[in-house]
ModelCIF file with pLDDT and N, C-alpha, C, O atoms, coordinates in Angstrom:
data_MODEL
#
_entry.id   MODEL 
#
_entity.id                         1 
_entity.type                       polymer 
_entity.pdbx_number_of_molecules   1 
#
_entity_poly.entity_id                      1 
_entity_poly.type                           'polypeptide(L)' 
_entity_poly.nstd_linkage                   no 
_entity_poly.nstd_monomer                   no 
_entity_poly.pdbx_seq_one_letter_code       WERHGFRSGLLGTQNDPKVLQVVGLPETIDAVIHMPHTAVMERIL 
_entity_poly.pdbx_seq_one_letter_code_can   WERHGFRSGLLGTQNDPKVLQVVGLPETIDAVIHMPHTAVMERIL 
_entity_poly.pdbx_strand_id                 A 
#
loop_
_entity_poly_seq.entity_id 
_entity_poly_seq.num 
_entity_poly_seq.mon_id 
_entity_poly_seq.hetero 
1 1  TRP n 
1 2  GLU n 
1 3  ARG n 
1 4  HIS n 
1 5  GLY n 
1 6  PHE n 
1 7  ARG n 
1 8  SER n 
1 9  GLY n 
1 10 LEU n 
1 11 LEU n 
1 12 GLY n 
1 13 THR n 
1 14 GLN n 
1 15 ASN n 
1 16 ASP n 
1 17 PRO n 
1 18 LYS n 
1 19 VAL n 
1 20 LEU n 
1 21 GLN n 
1 22 VAL n 
1 23 VAL n 
1 24 GLY n 
1 25 LEU n 
1 26 PRO n 
1 27 GLU n 
1 28 THR n 
1 29 ILE n 
1 30 ASP n 
1 31 ALA n 
1 32 VAL n 
1 33 ILE n 
1 34 HIS n 
1 35 MET n 
1 36 PRO n 
1 37 HIS n 
1 38 THR n 
1 39 ALA n 
1 40 VAL n 
1 41 MET n 
1 42 GLU n 
1 43 ARG n 
1 44 ILE n 
1 45 LEU n 
#
_struct_asym.id          A 
_struct_asym.entity_id   1 
#
loop_
_ma_qa_metric.id 
_ma_qa_metric.mode 
_ma_qa_metric.name 
_ma_qa_metric.software_group_id 
_ma_qa_metric.type 
1 global pLDDT . pLDDT 
2 local  pLDDT . pLDDT 
#
_ma_qa_metric_global.metric_id      1 
_ma_qa_metric_global.metric_value   84.58 
_ma_qa_metric_global.model_id       1 
_ma_qa_metric_global.ordinal_id     1 
#
loop_
_ma_qa_metric_local.label_asym_id 
_ma_qa_metric_local.label_comp_id 
_ma_qa_metric_local.label_seq_id 
_ma_qa_metric_local.metric_id 
_ma_qa_metric_local.metric_value 
_ma_qa_metric_local.model_id 
_ma_qa_metric_local.ordinal_id 
A TRP 1  2 93.00 1 1  
A GLU 2  2 93.00 1 2  
A ARG 3  2 92.00 1 3  
A HIS 4  2 92.00 1 4  
A GLY 5  2 91.00 1 5  
A PHE 6  2 91.00 1 6  
A ARG 7  2 88.00 1 7  
A SER 8  2 84.00 1 8  
A GLY 9  2 71.00 1 9  
A LEU 10 2 68.00 1 10 
A LEU 11 2 69.00 1 11 
A GLY 12 2 72.00 1 12 
A THR 13 2 73.00 1 13 
A GLN 14 2 79.00 1 14 
A ASN 15 2 88.00 1 15 
A ASP 16 2 89.00 1 16 
A PRO 17 2 90.00 1 17 
A LYS 18 2 90.00 1 18 
A VAL 19 2 90.00 1 19 
A LEU 20 2 89.00 1 20 
A GLN 21 2 78.00 1 21 
A VAL 22 2 84.00 1 22 
A VAL 23 2 80.00 1 23 
A GLY 24 2 85.00 1 24 
A LEU 25 2 89.00 1 25 
A PRO 26 2 89.00 1 26 
A GLU 27 2 87.00 1 27 
A THR 28 2 85.00 1 28 
A ILE 29 2 85.00 1 29 
A ASP 30 2 84.00 1 30 
A ALA 31 2 86.00 1 31 
A VAL 32 2 85.00 1 32 
A ILE 33 2 84.00 1 33 
A HIS 34 2 81.00 1 34 
A MET 35 2 78.00 1 35 
A PRO 36 2 81.00 1 36 
A HIS 37 2 84.00 1 37 
A THR 38 2 83.00 1 38 
A ALA 39 2 88.00 1 39 
A VAL 40 2 88.00 1 40 
A MET 41 2 83.00 1 41 
A GLU 42 2 87.00 1 42 
A ARG 43 2 89.00 1 43 
A ILE 44 2 86.00 1 44 
A LEU 45 2 85.00 1 45 
#
loop_
_atom_site.group_PDB 
_atom_site.id 
_atom_site.type_symbol 
_atom_site.label_atom_id 
_atom_site.label_alt_id 
_atom_site.label_comp_id 
_atom_site.label_asym_id 
_atom_site.label_entity_id 
_atom_site.label_seq_id 
_atom_site.pdbx_PDB_ins_code 
_atom_site.Cartn_x 
_atom_site.Cartn_y 
_atom_site.Cartn_z 
_atom_site.occupancy 
_atom_site.B_iso_or_equiv 
_atom_site.pdbx_formal_charge 
_atom_site.auth_seq_id 
_atom_site.auth_comp_id 
_atom_site.auth_asym_id 
_atom_site.auth_atom_id 
_atom_site.pdbx_PDB_model_num 
ATOM 1   N N  . TRP A 1 1  ? 120.823 146.494 63.134 1.00 93.00 ? 1  TRP A N  1 
ATOM 2   C CA . TRP A 1 1  ? 121.161 146.990 64.467 1.00 93.00 ? 1  TRP A CA 1 
ATOM 3   C C  . TRP A 1 1  ? 122.150 148.156 64.389 1.00 93.00 ? 1  TRP A C  1 
ATOM 4   O O  . TRP A 1 1  ? 121.920 149.214 64.976 1.00 93.00 ? 1  TRP A O  1 
ATOM 5   N N  . GLU A 1 2  ? 123.230 147.958 63.675 1.00 93.00 ? 2  GLU A N  1 
ATOM 6   C CA . GLU A 1 2  ? 124.320 148.936 63.699 1.00 93.00 ? 2  GLU A CA 1 
ATOM 7   C C  . GLU A 1 2  ? 124.037 150.205 62.905 1.00 93.00 ? 2  GLU A C  1 
ATOM 8   O O  . GLU A 1 2  ? 124.658 151.236 63.162 1.00 93.00 ? 2  GLU A O  1 
ATOM 9   N N  . ARG A 1 3  ? 123.118 150.155 61.951 1.00 92.00 ? 3  ARG A N  1 
ATOM 10  C CA . ARG A 1 3  ? 122.813 151.356 61.157 1.00 92.00 ? 3  ARG A CA 1 
ATOM 11  C C  . ARG A 1 3  ? 121.453 151.968 61.457 1.00 92.00 ? 3  ARG A C  1 
ATOM 12  O O  . ARG A 1 3  ? 121.192 153.125 61.128 1.00 92.00 ? 3  ARG A O  1 
ATOM 13  N N  . HIS A 1 4  ? 120.581 151.169 62.092 1.00 92.00 ? 4  HIS A N  1 
ATOM 14  C CA . HIS A 1 4  ? 119.224 151.663 62.299 1.00 92.00 ? 4  HIS A CA 1 
ATOM 15  C C  . HIS A 1 4  ? 118.680 151.429 63.709 1.00 92.00 ? 4  HIS A C  1 
ATOM 16  O O  . HIS A 1 4  ? 117.594 151.907 64.037 1.00 92.00 ? 4  HIS A O  1 
ATOM 17  N N  . GLY A 1 5  ? 119.418 150.704 64.542 1.00 91.00 ? 5  GLY A N  1 
ATOM 18  C CA . GLY A 1 5  ? 118.972 150.493 65.909 1.00 91.00 ? 5  GLY A CA 1 
ATOM 19  C C  . GLY A 1 5  ? 117.842 149.507 66.079 1.00 91.00 ? 5  GLY A C  1 
ATOM 20  O O  . GLY A 1 5  ? 117.147 149.534 67.095 1.00 91.00 ? 5  GLY A O  1 
ATOM 21  N N  . PHE A 1 6  ? 117.641 148.633 65.105 1.00 91.00 ? 6  PHE A N  1 
ATOM 22  C CA . PHE A 1 6  ? 116.602 147.610 65.224 1.00 91.00 ? 6  PHE A CA 1 
ATOM 23  C C  . PHE A 1 6  ? 117.190 146.369 65.875 1.00 91.00 ? 6  PHE A C  1 
ATOM 24  O O  . PHE A 1 6  ? 118.044 145.695 65.297 1.00 91.00 ? 6  PHE A O  1 
ATOM 25  N N  . ARG A 1 7  ? 116.726 146.075 67.075 1.00 88.00 ? 7  ARG A N  1 
ATOM 26  C CA . ARG A 1 7  ? 117.180 144.865 67.768 1.00 88.00 ? 7  ARG A CA 1 
ATOM 27  C C  . ARG A 1 7  ? 116.617 143.645 67.059 1.00 88.00 ? 7  ARG A C  1 
ATOM 28  O O  . ARG A 1 7  ? 115.493 143.663 66.557 1.00 88.00 ? 7  ARG A O  1 
ATOM 29  N N  . SER A 1 8  ? 117.407 142.598 67.025 1.00 84.00 ? 8  SER A N  1 
ATOM 30  C CA . SER A 1 8  ? 117.000 141.376 66.370 1.00 84.00 ? 8  SER A CA 1 
ATOM 31  C C  . SER A 1 8  ? 116.068 140.577 67.264 1.00 84.00 ? 8  SER A C  1 
ATOM 32  O O  . SER A 1 8  ? 116.184 140.588 68.489 1.00 84.00 ? 8  SER A O  1 
ATOM 33  N N  . GLY A 1 9  ? 115.159 139.897 66.631 1.00 71.00 ? 9  GLY A N  1 
ATOM 34  C CA . GLY A 1 9  ? 114.309 138.978 67.360 1.00 71.00 ? 9  GLY A CA 1 
ATOM 35  C C  . GLY A 1 9  ? 114.748 137.542 67.160 1.00 71.00 ? 9  GLY A C  1 
ATOM 36  O O  . GLY A 1 9  ? 114.055 136.612 67.571 1.00 71.00 ? 9  GLY A O  1 
ATOM 37  N N  . LEU A 1 10 ? 115.905 137.359 66.525 1.00 68.00 ? 10 LEU A N  1 
ATOM 38  C CA . LEU A 1 10 ? 116.388 136.004 66.234 1.00 68.00 ? 10 LEU A CA 1 
ATOM 39  C C  . LEU A 1 10 ? 117.209 135.455 67.385 1.00 68.00 ? 10 LEU A C  1 
ATOM 40  O O  . LEU A 1 10 ? 118.102 136.123 67.906 1.00 68.00 ? 10 LEU A O  1 
ATOM 41  N N  . LEU A 1 11 ? 116.896 134.243 67.770 1.00 69.00 ? 11 LEU A N  1 
ATOM 42  C CA . LEU A 1 11 ? 117.628 133.569 68.830 1.00 69.00 ? 11 LEU A CA 1 
ATOM 43  C C  . LEU A 1 11 ? 119.104 133.464 68.465 1.00 69.00 ? 11 LEU A C  1 
ATOM 44  O O  . LEU A 1 11 ? 119.454 133.046 67.361 1.00 69.00 ? 11 LEU A O  1 
ATOM 45  N N  . GLY A 1 12 ? 119.953 133.842 69.392 1.00 72.00 ? 12 GLY A N  1 
ATOM 46  C CA . GLY A 1 12 ? 121.387 133.742 69.182 1.00 72.00 ? 12 GLY A CA 1 
ATOM 47  C C  . GLY A 1 12 ? 122.024 134.961 68.541 1.00 72.00 ? 12 GLY A C  1 
ATOM 48  O O  . GLY A 1 12 ? 123.250 135.035 68.461 1.00 72.00 ? 12 GLY A O  1 
ATOM 49  N N  . THR A 1 13 ? 121.223 135.928 68.077 1.00 73.00 ? 13 THR A N  1 
ATOM 50  C CA . THR A 1 13 ? 121.766 137.138 67.471 1.00 73.00 ? 13 THR A CA 1 
ATOM 51  C C  . THR A 1 13 ? 121.987 138.168 68.572 1.00 73.00 ? 13 THR A C  1 
ATOM 52  O O  . THR A 1 13 ? 121.067 138.495 69.322 1.00 73.00 ? 13 THR A O  1 
ATOM 53  N N  . GLN A 1 14 ? 123.203 138.673 68.661 1.00 79.00 ? 14 GLN A N  1 
ATOM 54  C CA . GLN A 1 14 ? 123.556 139.643 69.691 1.00 79.00 ? 14 GLN A CA 1 
ATOM 55  C C  . GLN A 1 14 ? 123.427 141.067 69.156 1.00 79.00 ? 14 GLN A C  1 
ATOM 56  O O  . GLN A 1 14 ? 123.804 141.347 68.019 1.00 79.00 ? 14 GLN A O  1 
ATOM 57  N N  . ASN A 1 15 ? 122.898 141.950 69.976 1.00 88.00 ? 15 ASN A N  1 
ATOM 58  C CA . ASN A 1 15 ? 122.832 143.366 69.650 1.00 88.00 ? 15 ASN A CA 1 
ATOM 59  C C  . ASN A 1 15 ? 123.661 144.094 70.697 1.00 88.00 ? 15 ASN A C  1 
ATOM 60  O O  . ASN A 1 15 ? 123.154 144.445 71.762 1.00 88.00 ? 15 ASN A O  1 
ATOM 61  N N  . ASP A 1 16 ? 124.924 144.319 70.400 1.00 89.00 ? 16 ASP A N  1 
ATOM 62  C CA . ASP A 1 16 ? 125.842 144.923 71.349 1.00 89.00 ? 16 ASP A CA 1 
ATOM 63  C C  . ASP A 1 16 ? 125.755 146.444 71.290 1.00 89.00 ? 16 ASP A C  1 
ATOM 64  O O  . ASP A 1 16 ? 126.185 147.033 70.298 1.00 89.00 ? 16 ASP A O  1 
ATOM 65  N N  . PRO A 1 17 ? 125.212 147.105 72.321 1.00 90.00 ? 17 PRO A N  1 
ATOM 66  C CA . PRO A 1 17 ? 125.114 148.570 72.317 1.00 90.00 ? 17 PRO A CA 1 
ATOM 67  C C  . PRO A 1 17 ? 126.466 149.276 72.245 1.00 90.00 ? 17 PRO A C  1 
ATOM 68  O O  . PRO A 1 17 ? 126.541 150.440 71.851 1.00 90.00 ? 17 PRO A O  1 
ATOM 69  N N  . LYS A 1 18 ? 127.533 148.574 72.624 1.00 90.00 ? 18 LYS A N  1 
ATOM 70  C CA . LYS A 1 18 ? 128.861 149.201 72.609 1.00 90.00 ? 18 LYS A CA 1 
ATOM 71  C C  . LYS A 1 18 ? 129.319 149.549 71.194 1.00 90.00 ? 18 LYS A C  1 
ATOM 72  O O  . LYS A 1 18 ? 130.171 150.422 71.029 1.00 90.00 ? 18 LYS A O  1 
ATOM 73  N N  . VAL A 1 19 ? 128.774 148.888 70.167 1.00 90.00 ? 19 VAL A N  1 
ATOM 74  C CA . VAL A 1 19 ? 129.182 149.202 68.803 1.00 90.00 ? 19 VAL A CA 1 
ATOM 75  C C  . VAL A 1 19 ? 128.535 150.490 68.305 1.00 90.00 ? 19 VAL A C  1 
ATOM 76  O O  . VAL A 1 19 ? 128.966 151.057 67.301 1.00 90.00 ? 19 VAL A O  1 
ATOM 77  N N  . LEU A 1 20 ? 127.511 150.947 69.001 1.00 89.00 ? 20 LEU A N  1 
ATOM 78  C CA . LEU A 1 20 ? 126.831 152.193 68.648 1.00 89.00 ? 20 LEU A CA 1 
ATOM 79  C C  . LEU A 1 20 ? 127.392 153.327 69.498 1.00 89.00 ? 20 LEU A C  1 
ATOM 80  O O  . LEU A 1 20 ? 127.921 153.086 70.583 1.00 89.00 ? 20 LEU A O  1 
ATOM 81  N N  . GLN A 1 21 ? 127.284 154.536 69.021 1.00 78.00 ? 21 GLN A N  1 
ATOM 82  C CA . GLN A 1 21 ? 127.756 155.684 69.791 1.00 78.00 ? 21 GLN A CA 1 
ATOM 83  C C  . GLN A 1 21 ? 126.588 156.315 70.534 1.00 78.00 ? 21 GLN A C  1 
ATOM 84  O O  . GLN A 1 21 ? 126.396 157.530 70.489 1.00 78.00 ? 21 GLN A O  1 
ATOM 85  N N  . VAL A 1 22 ? 125.811 155.484 71.217 1.00 84.00 ? 22 VAL A N  1 
ATOM 86  C CA . VAL A 1 22 ? 124.644 155.951 71.934 1.00 84.00 ? 22 VAL A CA 1 
ATOM 87  C C  . VAL A 1 22 ? 124.813 155.599 73.402 1.00 84.00 ? 22 VAL A C  1 
ATOM 88  O O  . VAL A 1 22 ? 124.926 154.426 73.758 1.00 84.00 ? 22 VAL A O  1 
ATOM 89  N N  . VAL A 1 23 ? 124.830 156.597 74.236 1.00 80.00 ? 23 VAL A N  1 
ATOM 90  C CA . VAL A 1 23 ? 125.006 156.389 75.668 1.00 80.00 ? 23 VAL A CA 1 
ATOM 91  C C  . VAL A 1 23 ? 123.666 156.025 76.293 1.00 80.00 ? 23 VAL A C  1 
ATOM 92  O O  . VAL A 1 23 ? 122.649 156.653 75.997 1.00 80.00 ? 23 VAL A O  1 
ATOM 93  N N  . GLY A 1 24 ? 123.662 155.017 77.153 1.00 85.00 ? 24 GLY A N  1 
ATOM 94  C CA . GLY A 1 24 ? 122.465 154.692 77.915 1.00 85.00 ? 24 GLY A CA 1 
ATOM 95  C C  . GLY A 1 24 ? 121.613 153.556 77.403 1.00 85.00 ? 24 GLY A C  1 
ATOM 96  O O  . GLY A 1 24 ? 120.575 153.260 77.995 1.00 85.00 ? 24 GLY A O  1 
ATOM 97  N N  . LEU A 1 25 ? 122.014 152.908 76.320 1.00 89.00 ? 25 LEU A N  1 
ATOM 98  C CA . LEU A 1 25 ? 121.229 151.776 75.826 1.00 89.00 ? 25 LEU A CA 1 
ATOM 99  C C  . LEU A 1 25 ? 121.548 150.534 76.641 1.00 89.00 ? 25 LEU A C  1 
ATOM 100 O O  . LEU A 1 25 ? 122.718 150.208 76.838 1.00 89.00 ? 25 LEU A O  1 
ATOM 101 N N  . PRO A 1 26 ? 120.525 149.838 77.118 1.00 89.00 ? 26 PRO A N  1 
ATOM 102 C CA . PRO A 1 26 ? 120.794 148.604 77.850 1.00 89.00 ? 26 PRO A CA 1 
ATOM 103 C C  . PRO A 1 26 ? 121.263 147.493 76.913 1.00 89.00 ? 26 PRO A C  1 
ATOM 104 O O  . PRO A 1 26 ? 120.927 147.472 75.729 1.00 89.00 ? 26 PRO A O  1 
ATOM 105 N N  . GLU A 1 27 ? 122.035 146.587 77.462 1.00 87.00 ? 27 GLU A N  1 
ATOM 106 C CA . GLU A 1 27 ? 122.526 145.468 76.657 1.00 87.00 ? 27 GLU A CA 1 
ATOM 107 C C  . GLU A 1 27 ? 121.371 144.582 76.199 1.00 87.00 ? 27 GLU A C  1 
ATOM 108 O O  . GLU A 1 27 ? 121.359 144.093 75.070 1.00 87.00 ? 27 GLU A O  1 
ATOM 109 N N  . THR A 1 28 ? 120.417 144.384 77.076 1.00 85.00 ? 28 THR A N  1 
ATOM 110 C CA . THR A 1 28 ? 119.245 143.571 76.733 1.00 85.00 ? 28 THR A CA 1 
ATOM 111 C C  . THR A 1 28 ? 117.984 144.275 77.219 1.00 85.00 ? 28 THR A C  1 
ATOM 112 O O  . THR A 1 28 ? 118.027 145.119 78.114 1.00 85.00 ? 28 THR A O  1 
ATOM 113 N N  . ILE A 1 29 ? 116.881 143.913 76.616 1.00 85.00 ? 29 ILE A N  1 
ATOM 114 C CA . ILE A 1 29 ? 115.564 144.376 77.056 1.00 85.00 ? 29 ILE A CA 1 
ATOM 115 C C  . ILE A 1 29 ? 114.904 143.165 77.698 1.00 85.00 ? 29 ILE A C  1 
ATOM 116 O O  . ILE A 1 29 ? 114.588 142.189 77.017 1.00 85.00 ? 29 ILE A O  1 
ATOM 117 N N  . ASP A 1 30 ? 114.699 143.231 79.008 1.00 84.00 ? 30 ASP A N  1 
ATOM 118 C CA . ASP A 1 30 ? 114.292 142.033 79.752 1.00 84.00 ? 30 ASP A CA 1 
ATOM 119 C C  . ASP A 1 30 ? 112.825 141.972 80.169 1.00 84.00 ? 30 ASP A C  1 
ATOM 120 O O  . ASP A 1 30 ? 112.302 140.887 80.423 1.00 84.00 ? 30 ASP A O  1 
ATOM 121 N N  . ALA A 1 31 ? 112.163 143.110 80.243 1.00 86.00 ? 31 ALA A N  1 
ATOM 122 C CA . ALA A 1 31 ? 110.771 143.117 80.691 1.00 86.00 ? 31 ALA A CA 1 
ATOM 123 C C  . ALA A 1 31 ? 109.907 143.685 79.571 1.00 86.00 ? 31 ALA A C  1 
ATOM 124 O O  . ALA A 1 31 ? 109.865 144.896 79.356 1.00 86.00 ? 31 ALA A O  1 
ATOM 125 N N  . VAL A 1 32 ? 109.216 142.792 78.861 1.00 85.00 ? 32 VAL A N  1 
ATOM 126 C CA . VAL A 1 32 ? 108.498 143.185 77.658 1.00 85.00 ? 32 VAL A CA 1 
ATOM 127 C C  . VAL A 1 32 ? 107.054 142.706 77.710 1.00 85.00 ? 32 VAL A C  1 
ATOM 128 O O  . VAL A 1 32 ? 106.766 141.607 78.185 1.00 85.00 ? 32 VAL A O  1 
ATOM 129 N N  . ILE A 1 33 ? 106.144 143.556 77.208 1.00 84.00 ? 33 ILE A N  1 
ATOM 130 C CA . ILE A 1 33 ? 104.760 143.146 76.984 1.00 84.00 ? 33 ILE A CA 1 
ATOM 131 C C  . ILE A 1 33 ? 104.450 143.359 75.503 1.00 84.00 ? 33 ILE A C  1 
ATOM 132 O O  . ILE A 1 33 ? 105.154 144.095 74.811 1.00 84.00 ? 33 ILE A O  1 
ATOM 133 N N  . HIS A 1 34 ? 103.403 142.716 75.032 1.00 81.00 ? 34 HIS A N  1 
ATOM 134 C CA . HIS A 1 34 ? 103.007 142.862 73.635 1.00 81.00 ? 34 HIS A CA 1 
ATOM 135 C C  . HIS A 1 34 ? 102.289 144.186 73.437 1.00 81.00 ? 34 HIS A C  1 
ATOM 136 O O  . HIS A 1 34 ? 101.756 144.766 74.382 1.00 81.00 ? 34 HIS A O  1 
ATOM 137 N N  . MET A 1 35 ? 102.282 144.654 72.203 1.00 78.00 ? 35 MET A N  1 
ATOM 138 C CA . MET A 1 35 ? 101.505 145.835 71.847 1.00 78.00 ? 35 MET A CA 1 
ATOM 139 C C  . MET A 1 35 ? 100.038 145.527 72.135 1.00 78.00 ? 35 MET A C  1 
ATOM 140 O O  . MET A 1 35 ? 99.614  144.377 72.020 1.00 78.00 ? 35 MET A O  1 
ATOM 141 N N  . PRO A 1 36 ? 99.260  146.543 72.507 1.00 81.00 ? 36 PRO A N  1 
ATOM 142 C CA . PRO A 1 36 ? 97.823  146.319 72.729 1.00 81.00 ? 36 PRO A CA 1 
ATOM 143 C C  . PRO A 1 36 ? 97.128  145.857 71.444 1.00 81.00 ? 36 PRO A C  1 
ATOM 144 O O  . PRO A 1 36 ? 97.614  146.097 70.338 1.00 81.00 ? 36 PRO A O  1 
ATOM 145 N N  . HIS A 1 37 ? 95.994  145.198 71.612 1.00 84.00 ? 37 HIS A N  1 
ATOM 146 C CA . HIS A 1 37 ? 95.192  144.753 70.476 1.00 84.00 ? 37 HIS A CA 1 
ATOM 147 C C  . HIS A 1 37 ? 94.759  145.962 69.649 1.00 84.00 ? 37 HIS A C  1 
ATOM 148 O O  . HIS A 1 37 ? 94.734  147.088 70.146 1.00 84.00 ? 37 HIS A O  1 
ATOM 149 N N  . THR A 1 38 ? 94.423  145.722 68.400 1.00 83.00 ? 38 THR A N  1 
ATOM 150 C CA . THR A 1 38 ? 94.038  146.786 67.479 1.00 83.00 ? 38 THR A CA 1 
ATOM 151 C C  . THR A 1 38 ? 92.899  147.626 68.034 1.00 83.00 ? 38 THR A C  1 
ATOM 152 O O  . THR A 1 38 ? 92.946  148.853 67.949 1.00 83.00 ? 38 THR A O  1 
ATOM 153 N N  . ALA A 1 39 ? 91.884  146.999 68.596 1.00 88.00 ? 39 ALA A N  1 
ATOM 154 C CA . ALA A 1 39 ? 90.734  147.741 69.128 1.00 88.00 ? 39 ALA A CA 1 
ATOM 155 C C  . ALA A 1 39 ? 91.167  148.689 70.251 1.00 88.00 ? 39 ALA A C  1 
ATOM 156 O O  . ALA A 1 39 ? 90.637  149.795 70.362 1.00 88.00 ? 39 ALA A O  1 
ATOM 157 N N  . VAL A 1 40 ? 92.106  148.275 71.068 1.00 88.00 ? 40 VAL A N  1 
ATOM 158 C CA . VAL A 1 40 ? 92.601  149.117 72.156 1.00 88.00 ? 40 VAL A CA 1 
ATOM 159 C C  . VAL A 1 40 ? 93.375  150.296 71.585 1.00 88.00 ? 40 VAL A C  1 
ATOM 160 O O  . VAL A 1 40 ? 93.184  151.430 72.024 1.00 88.00 ? 40 VAL A O  1 
ATOM 161 N N  . MET A 1 41 ? 94.245  150.046 70.613 1.00 83.00 ? 41 MET A N  1 
ATOM 162 C CA . MET A 1 41 ? 95.019  151.119 69.994 1.00 83.00 ? 41 MET A CA 1 
ATOM 163 C C  . MET A 1 41 ? 94.092  152.126 69.315 1.00 83.00 ? 41 MET A C  1 
ATOM 164 O O  . MET A 1 41 ? 94.317  153.333 69.404 1.00 83.00 ? 41 MET A O  1 
ATOM 165 N N  . GLU A 1 42 ? 93.055  151.638 68.639 1.00 87.00 ? 42 GLU A N  1 
ATOM 166 C CA . GLU A 1 42 ? 92.104  152.546 67.990 1.00 87.00 ? 42 GLU A CA 1 
ATOM 167 C C  . GLU A 1 42 ? 91.390  153.412 69.017 1.00 87.00 ? 42 GLU A C  1 
ATOM 168 O O  . GLU A 1 42 ? 91.175  154.601 68.783 1.00 87.00 ? 42 GLU A O  1 
ATOM 169 N N  . ARG A 1 43 ? 91.024  152.831 70.144 1.00 89.00 ? 43 ARG A N  1 
ATOM 170 C CA . ARG A 1 43 ? 90.350  153.594 71.199 1.00 89.00 ? 43 ARG A CA 1 
ATOM 171 C C  . ARG A 1 43 ? 91.287  154.647 71.800 1.00 89.00 ? 43 ARG A C  1 
ATOM 172 O O  . ARG A 1 43 ? 90.865  155.772 72.070 1.00 89.00 ? 43 ARG A O  1 
ATOM 173 N N  . ILE A 1 44 ? 92.537  154.289 72.006 1.00 86.00 ? 44 ILE A N  1 
ATOM 174 C CA . ILE A 1 44 ? 93.521  155.252 72.520 1.00 86.00 ? 44 ILE A CA 1 
ATOM 175 C C  . ILE A 1 44 ? 93.636  156.425 71.556 1.00 86.00 ? 44 ILE A C  1 
ATOM 176 O O  . ILE A 1 44 ? 93.647  157.579 71.983 1.00 86.00 ? 44 ILE A O  1 
ATOM 177 N N  . LEU A 1 45 ? 93.722  156.139 70.251 1.00 85.00 ? 45 LEU A N  1 
ATOM 178 C CA . LEU A 1 45 ? 93.812  157.210 69.257 1.00 85.00 ? 45 LEU A CA 1 
ATOM 179 C C  . LEU A 1 45 ? 92.577  158.093 69.267 1.00 85.00 ? 45 LEU A C  1 
ATOM 180 O O  . LEU A 1 45 ? 92.491  159.043 68.490 1.00 85.00 ? 45 LEU A O  1 
#
């Protein structure tokens, strides 16, 4: 998180944006959908 900006997917692990020098990052990401299926991604490409 602190060196590469990868949010953790582990329960109980906090990703505090305040430790980064990046303005505008939300504390949490609350509305998420899964990546499209492979066939959909291939069609988009």
